[in-house]
């Protein structure tokens, strides 16, 4: 046996879709809460965010990108930092749902209206994302499908002992689940 196989999502594409969604909802100053940049998934999500901004000719600002461990408390602290900057923030793409929820809780506490003032998109589709108020628009990362696909791949490699295992990468499709945190209504 040689090589290793992977079952992944396209983090770049998913982040692009999330950021593009904010742009279509009329966000023009979009911040990004990123994860540690030594991890490939967060590098790719950051690149997807930047690519969407570029496609729509929205200027990129390093100040609007904050990396953290993506805990709920980071969402509160990061959004506090953003609100001190000289920008009229109106969109936020978070690299996971947990940090997005921290931001939502803090913003609601200081009477910022979501999505009217700031539209927010998370990533993962955690179970709490549909019950928080407002419910969180998020990228659905299909964990069950990833697990089933990885299991089937492993079983097929075990069953066919004569087969030389190559580096196989299977990409599982994600999708955007639109909920209230980005559902702006325009007159």
C-alpha atoms as a PDB file:
ATOM      1  CA  UNK A   1       0.000   0.000   0.000  1.00  0.00           C
ATOM      2  CA  UNK A   2       1.260   3.417  -0.949  1.00  0.00           C
ATOM      3  CA  UNK A   3      -0.183   6.890  -0.737  1.00  0.00           C
ATOM      4  CA  UNK A   4      -3.088   8.237   1.207  1.00  0.00           C
ATOM      5  CA  UNK A   5      -6.536   9.353   0.242  1.00  0.00           C
ATOM      6  CA  UNK A   6      -8.652  12.258   1.427  1.00  0.00           C
ATOM      7  CA  UNK A   7     -12.310  13.165   1.563  1.00  0.00           C
ATOM      8  CA  UNK A   8     -12.601  16.939   1.714  1.00  0.00           C
ATOM      9  CA  UNK A   9     -14.774  19.899   0.922  1.00  0.00           C
ATOM     10  CA  UNK A  10     -13.677  22.730  -1.340  1.00  0.00           C
ATOM     11  CA  UNK A  11     -12.993  25.346   1.337  1.00  0.00           C
ATOM     12  CA  UNK A  12     -11.992  27.962  -1.247  1.00  0.00           C
ATOM     13  CA  UNK A  13     -15.230  27.605  -3.205  1.00  0.00           C
ATOM     14  CA  UNK A  14     -17.404  27.485  -0.078  1.00  0.00           C
ATOM     15  CA  UNK A  15     -15.820  30.679   1.291  1.00  0.00           C
ATOM     16  CA  UNK A  16     -16.216  32.334  -2.100  1.00  0.00           C
ATOM     17  CA  UNK A  17     -19.926  31.428  -2.108  1.00  0.00           C
ATOM     18  CA  UNK A  18     -20.359  32.732   1.465  1.00  0.00           C
ATOM     19  CA  UNK A  19     -18.663  36.051   0.705  1.00  0.00           C
ATOM     20  CA  UNK A  20     -20.455  36.416  -2.620  1.00  0.00           C
ATOM     21  CA  UNK A  21     -23.741  35.873  -0.792  1.00  0.00           C
ATOM     22  CA  UNK A  22     -22.961  38.819   1.488  1.00  0.00           C
ATOM     23  CA  UNK A  23     -22.115  40.934  -1.551  1.00  0.00           C
ATOM     24  CA  UNK A  24     -25.427  40.044  -3.231  1.00  0.00           C
ATOM     25  CA  UNK A  25     -27.135  41.137  -0.013  1.00  0.00           C
ATOM     26  CA  UNK A  26     -25.562  44.592  -0.500  1.00  0.00           C
ATOM     27  CA  UNK A  27     -22.651  44.274   1.924  1.00  0.00           C
ATOM     28  CA  UNK A  28     -19.721  46.408   0.803  1.00  0.00           C
ATOM     29  CA  UNK A  29     -17.409  46.378   3.825  1.00  0.00           C
ATOM     30  CA  UNK A  30     -17.001  42.704   4.672  1.00  0.00           C
ATOM     31  CA  UNK A  31     -14.762  41.474   7.472  1.00  0.00           C
ATOM     32  CA  UNK A  32     -13.483  37.921   7.836  1.00  0.00           C
ATOM     33  CA  UNK A  33     -12.902  36.001  11.050  1.00  0.00           C
ATOM     34  CA  UNK A  34     -10.302  33.467  10.014  1.00  0.00           C
ATOM     35  CA  UNK A  35      -8.835  30.475  11.739  1.00  0.00           C
ATOM     36  CA  UNK A  36      -5.117  29.814  12.264  1.00  0.00           C
ATOM     37  CA  UNK A  37      -3.318  30.409   8.968  1.00  0.00           C
ATOM     38  CA  UNK A  38      -1.018  27.436   9.520  1.00  0.00           C
ATOM     39  CA  UNK A  39      -4.017  25.198   8.732  1.00  0.00           C
ATOM     40  CA  UNK A  40      -4.818  24.623   5.060  1.00  0.00           C
ATOM     41  CA  UNK A  41      -8.596  24.825   5.475  1.00  0.00           C
ATOM     42  CA  UNK A  42      -8.394  28.347   6.904  1.00  0.00           C
ATOM     43  CA  UNK A  43      -5.865  29.455   4.294  1.00  0.00           C
ATOM     44  CA  UNK A  44      -8.270  28.289   1.601  1.00  0.00           C
ATOM     45  CA  UNK A  45     -11.279  29.954   3.228  1.00  0.00           C
ATOM     46  CA  UNK A  46      -9.311  33.206   3.426  1.00  0.00           C
ATOM     47  CA  UNK A  47      -8.335  32.900  -0.257  1.00  0.00           C
ATOM     48  CA  UNK A  48     -11.984  32.298  -1.210  1.00  0.00           C
ATOM     49  CA  UNK A  49     -13.032  35.404   0.723  1.00  0.00           C
ATOM     50  CA  UNK A  50     -10.390  37.505  -1.035  1.00  0.00           C
ATOM     51  CA  UNK A  51     -11.301  36.112  -4.464  1.00  0.00           C
ATOM     52  CA  UNK A  52     -14.963  37.082  -4.033  1.00  0.00           C
ATOM     53  CA  UNK A  53     -13.989  40.602  -3.012  1.00  0.00           C
ATOM     54  CA  UNK A  54     -11.734  40.852  -6.053  1.00  0.00           C
ATOM     55  CA  UNK A  55     -14.432  39.569  -8.445  1.00  0.00           C
ATOM     56  CA  UNK A  56     -16.770  42.349  -7.294  1.00  0.00           C
ATOM     57  CA  UNK A  57     -14.071  45.056  -7.125  1.00  0.00           C
ATOM     58  CA  UNK A  58     -14.387  45.439  -3.378  1.00  0.00           C
ATOM     59  CA  UNK A  59     -11.126  46.658  -1.844  1.00  0.00           C
ATOM     60  CA  UNK A  60      -9.349  44.186   0.438  1.00  0.00           C
ATOM     61  CA  UNK A  61      -8.162  45.509   3.796  1.00  0.00           C
ATOM     62  CA  UNK A  62      -5.897  43.483   6.095  1.00  0.00           C
ATOM     63  CA  UNK A  63      -7.464  45.275   9.060  1.00  0.00           C
ATOM     64  CA  UNK A  64     -10.771  43.556   8.336  1.00  0.00           C
ATOM     65  CA  UNK A  65      -9.292  40.061   8.704  1.00  0.00           C
ATOM     66  CA  UNK A  66      -8.798  38.718  12.212  1.00  0.00           C
ATOM     67  CA  UNK A  67      -7.340  35.272  12.879  1.00  0.00           C
ATOM     68  CA  UNK A  68      -8.117  33.452  16.101  1.00  0.00           C
ATOM     69  CA  UNK A  69      -8.899  30.026  17.512  1.00  0.00           C
ATOM     70  CA  UNK A  70     -12.537  30.630  16.458  1.00  0.00           C
ATOM     71  CA  UNK A  71     -14.111  30.182  19.872  1.00  0.00           C
ATOM     72  CA  UNK A  72     -17.331  31.971  20.849  1.00  0.00           C
ATOM     73  CA  UNK A  73     -15.399  34.415  23.038  1.00  0.00           C
ATOM     74  CA  UNK A  74     -13.199  35.245  20.015  1.00  0.00           C
ATOM     75  CA  UNK A  75     -16.337  36.319  18.136  1.00  0.00           C
ATOM     76  CA  UNK A  76     -17.126  38.876  20.810  1.00  0.00           C
ATOM     77  CA  UNK A  77     -13.537  40.137  21.112  1.00  0.00           C
ATOM     78  CA  UNK A  78     -12.973  40.253  17.346  1.00  0.00           C
ATOM     79  CA  UNK A  79     -16.151  42.179  16.624  1.00  0.00           C
ATOM     80  CA  UNK A  80     -15.279  44.668  19.383  1.00  0.00           C
ATOM     81  CA  UNK A  81     -11.950  45.278  17.580  1.00  0.00           C
ATOM     82  CA  UNK A  82     -13.667  45.707  14.227  1.00  0.00           C
ATOM     83  CA  UNK A  83     -16.092  48.280  15.579  1.00  0.00           C
ATOM     84  CA  UNK A  84     -13.187  50.507  16.679  1.00  0.00           C
ATOM     85  CA  UNK A  85     -11.853  50.700  13.104  1.00  0.00           C
ATOM     86  CA  UNK A  86     -12.730  53.572  10.754  1.00  0.00           C
ATOM     87  CA  UNK A  87     -14.981  51.405   8.563  1.00  0.00           C
ATOM     88  CA  UNK A  88     -18.759  51.134   8.250  1.00  0.00           C
ATOM     89  CA  UNK A  89     -18.798  47.358   8.579  1.00  0.00           C
ATOM     90  CA  UNK A  90     -21.893  45.823   6.997  1.00  0.00           C
ATOM     91  CA  UNK A  91     -20.896  42.191   6.397  1.00  0.00           C
ATOM     92  CA  UNK A  92     -19.049  39.458   8.257  1.00  0.00           C
ATOM     93  CA  UNK A  93     -17.908  36.084   6.964  1.00  0.00           C
ATOM     94  CA  UNK A  94     -16.796  33.744   9.747  1.00  0.00           C
ATOM     95  CA  UNK A  95     -14.669  30.629   9.209  1.00  0.00           C
ATOM     96  CA  UNK A  96     -16.918  28.693  11.591  1.00  0.00           C
ATOM     97  CA  UNK A  97     -20.335  29.021  13.196  1.00  0.00           C
ATOM     98  CA  UNK A  98     -19.060  29.209  16.767  1.00  0.00           C
ATOM     99  CA  UNK A  99     -17.176  32.486  16.269  1.00  0.00           C
ATOM    100  CA  UNK A 100     -20.130  33.871  14.278  1.00  0.00           C
ATOM    101  CA  UNK A 101     -22.463  33.116  17.180  1.00  0.00           C
ATOM    102  CA  UNK A 102     -20.147  34.949  19.576  1.00  0.00           C
ATOM    103  CA  UNK A 103     -20.251  37.972  17.262  1.00  0.00           C
ATOM    104  CA  UNK A 104     -24.056  37.808  16.967  1.00  0.00           C
ATOM    105  CA  UNK A 105     -24.520  37.677  20.741  1.00  0.00           C
ATOM    106  CA  UNK A 106     -22.274  40.695  21.288  1.00  0.00           C
ATOM    107  CA  UNK A 107     -23.782  42.741  18.451  1.00  0.00           C
ATOM    108  CA  UNK A 108     -27.326  42.071  19.693  1.00  0.00           C
ATOM    109  CA  UNK A 109     -26.237  43.092  23.191  1.00  0.00           C
ATOM    110  CA  UNK A 110     -25.083  46.501  21.914  1.00  0.00           C
ATOM    111  CA  UNK A 111     -28.264  46.912  19.817  1.00  0.00           C
ATOM    112  CA  UNK A 112     -26.711  46.380  16.372  1.00  0.00           C
ATOM    113  CA  UNK A 113     -29.450  45.026  14.099  1.00  0.00           C
ATOM    114  CA  UNK A 114     -28.589  41.814  12.272  1.00  0.00           C
ATOM    115  CA  UNK A 115     -28.836  41.630   9.259  1.00  0.00           C
ATOM    116  CA  UNK A 116     -29.994  45.234   8.695  1.00  0.00           C
ATOM    117  CA  UNK A 117     -26.744  46.785   9.993  1.00  0.00           C
ATOM    118  CA  UNK A 118     -24.388  43.818   9.636  1.00  0.00           C
ATOM    119  CA  UNK A 119     -25.176  40.642   7.680  1.00  0.00           C
ATOM    120  CA  UNK A 120     -23.365  37.538   8.934  1.00  0.00           C
ATOM    121  CA  UNK A 121     -22.469  34.176   7.387  1.00  0.00           C
ATOM    122  CA  UNK A 122     -20.864  31.287   9.275  1.00  0.00           C
ATOM    123  CA  UNK A 123     -19.386  27.967   8.219  1.00  0.00           C
ATOM    124  CA  UNK A 124     -20.222  24.367   9.263  1.00  0.00           C
ATOM    125  CA  UNK A 125     -23.966  24.374   9.951  1.00  0.00           C
ATOM    126  CA  UNK A 126     -23.681  23.535  13.635  1.00  0.00           C
ATOM    127  CA  UNK A 127     -26.991  22.531  15.219  1.00  0.00           C
ATOM    128  CA  UNK A 128     -27.210  25.781  17.215  1.00  0.00           C
ATOM    129  CA  UNK A 129     -27.027  27.795  13.975  1.00  0.00           C
ATOM    130  CA  UNK A 130     -30.701  27.251  13.205  1.00  0.00           C
ATOM    131  CA  UNK A 131     -31.975  28.117  16.693  1.00  0.00           C
ATOM    132  CA  UNK A 132     -29.942  31.199  17.614  1.00  0.00           C
ATOM    133  CA  UNK A 133     -31.753  34.495  17.070  1.00  0.00           C
ATOM    134  CA  UNK A 134     -31.329  35.551  14.347  1.00  0.00           C
ATOM    135  CA  UNK A 135     -30.735  32.142  12.817  1.00  0.00           C
ATOM    136  CA  UNK A 136     -27.318  31.934  11.173  1.00  0.00           C
ATOM    137  CA  UNK A 137     -26.785  31.757   7.424  1.00  0.00           C
ATOM    138  CA  UNK A 138     -24.028  29.206   7.007  1.00  0.00           C
ATOM    139  CA  UNK A 139     -22.141  26.908   4.698  1.00  0.00           C
ATOM    140  CA  UNK A 140     -23.380  23.364   5.195  1.00  0.00           C
ATOM    141  CA  UNK A 141     -20.376  21.098   5.693  1.00  0.00           C
ATOM    142  CA  UNK A 142     -21.946  17.644   5.307  1.00  0.00           C
ATOM    143  CA  UNK A 143     -20.117  15.702   8.028  1.00  0.00           C
ATOM    144  CA  UNK A 144     -22.203  12.554   7.667  1.00  0.00           C
ATOM    145  CA  UNK A 145     -21.619  12.416   3.912  1.00  0.00           C
ATOM    146  CA  UNK A 146     -17.891  12.994   4.412  1.00  0.00           C
ATOM    147  CA  UNK A 147     -17.755  10.165   6.961  1.00  0.00           C
ATOM    148  CA  UNK A 148     -19.699   7.739   4.779  1.00  0.00           C
ATOM    149  CA  UNK A 149     -17.572   8.539   1.734  1.00  0.00           C
ATOM    150  CA  UNK A 150     -14.338   8.117   3.706  1.00  0.00           C
ATOM    151  CA  UNK A 151     -15.549   4.823   5.173  1.00  0.00           C
ATOM    152  CA  UNK A 152     -16.534   3.474   1.758  1.00  0.00           C
ATOM    153  CA  UNK A 153     -13.172   4.508   0.326  1.00  0.00           C
ATOM    154  CA  UNK A 154     -11.322   2.751   3.154  1.00  0.00           C
ATOM    155  CA  UNK A 155     -13.407  -0.416   2.832  1.00  0.00           C
ATOM    156  CA  UNK A 156     -12.791  -0.566  -0.925  1.00  0.00           C
ATOM    157  CA  UNK A 157      -9.056  -0.218  -0.336  1.00  0.00           C
ATOM    158  CA  UNK A 158      -9.080  -2.966   2.306  1.00  0.00           C
ATOM    159  CA  UNK A 159     -11.191  -5.294   0.143  1.00  0.00           C
ATOM    160  CA  UNK A 160      -8.934  -4.985  -2.897  1.00  0.00           C
ATOM    161  CA  UNK A 161      -5.579  -5.957  -1.394  1.00  0.00           C
ATOM    162  CA  UNK A 162      -4.004  -6.417  -4.819  1.00  0.00           C
ATOM    163  CA  UNK A 163      -4.746  -2.837  -5.795  1.00  0.00           C
ATOM    164  CA  UNK A 164      -1.984  -0.286  -5.368  1.00  0.00           C
ATOM    165  CA  UNK A 165      -3.526   2.557  -3.455  1.00  0.00           C
ATOM    166  CA  UNK A 166      -2.969   5.938  -5.018  1.00  0.00           C
ATOM    167  CA  UNK A 167      -3.466   9.349  -3.577  1.00  0.00           C
ATOM    168  CA  UNK A 168      -7.170   9.795  -4.171  1.00  0.00           C
ATOM    169  CA  UNK A 169      -9.000  12.949  -3.155  1.00  0.00           C
ATOM    170  CA  UNK A 170     -12.775  13.063  -3.170  1.00  0.00           C
ATOM    171  CA  UNK A 171     -14.444  16.458  -2.873  1.00  0.00           C
ATOM    172  CA  UNK A 172     -17.863  16.491  -1.167  1.00  0.00           C
ATOM    173  CA  UNK A 173     -20.165  19.342  -2.194  1.00  0.00           C
ATOM    174  CA  UNK A 174     -21.149  22.058   0.258  1.00  0.00           C
ATOM    175  CA  UNK A 175     -24.090  24.435   0.016  1.00  0.00           C
ATOM    176  CA  UNK A 176     -25.161  27.730   1.491  1.00  0.00           C
ATOM    177  CA  UNK A 177     -28.104  27.620   3.889  1.00  0.00           C
ATOM    178  CA  UNK A 178     -29.684  31.050   3.928  1.00  0.00           C
ATOM    179  CA  UNK A 179     -31.208  32.056   7.232  1.00  0.00           C
ATOM    180  CA  UNK A 180     -32.114  35.293   8.982  1.00  0.00           C
ATOM    181  CA  UNK A 181     -28.602  36.597   9.747  1.00  0.00           C
ATOM    182  CA  UNK A 182     -28.182  37.641   6.114  1.00  0.00           C
ATOM    183  CA  UNK A 183     -31.776  37.884   4.927  1.00  0.00           C
ATOM    184  CA  UNK A 184     -31.960  41.564   4.082  1.00  0.00           C
ATOM    185  CA  UNK A 185     -35.103  43.015   2.583  1.00  0.00           C
ATOM    186  CA  UNK A 186     -34.691  45.964   0.257  1.00  0.00           C
ATOM    187  CA  UNK A 187     -37.425  48.440  -0.528  1.00  0.00           C
END
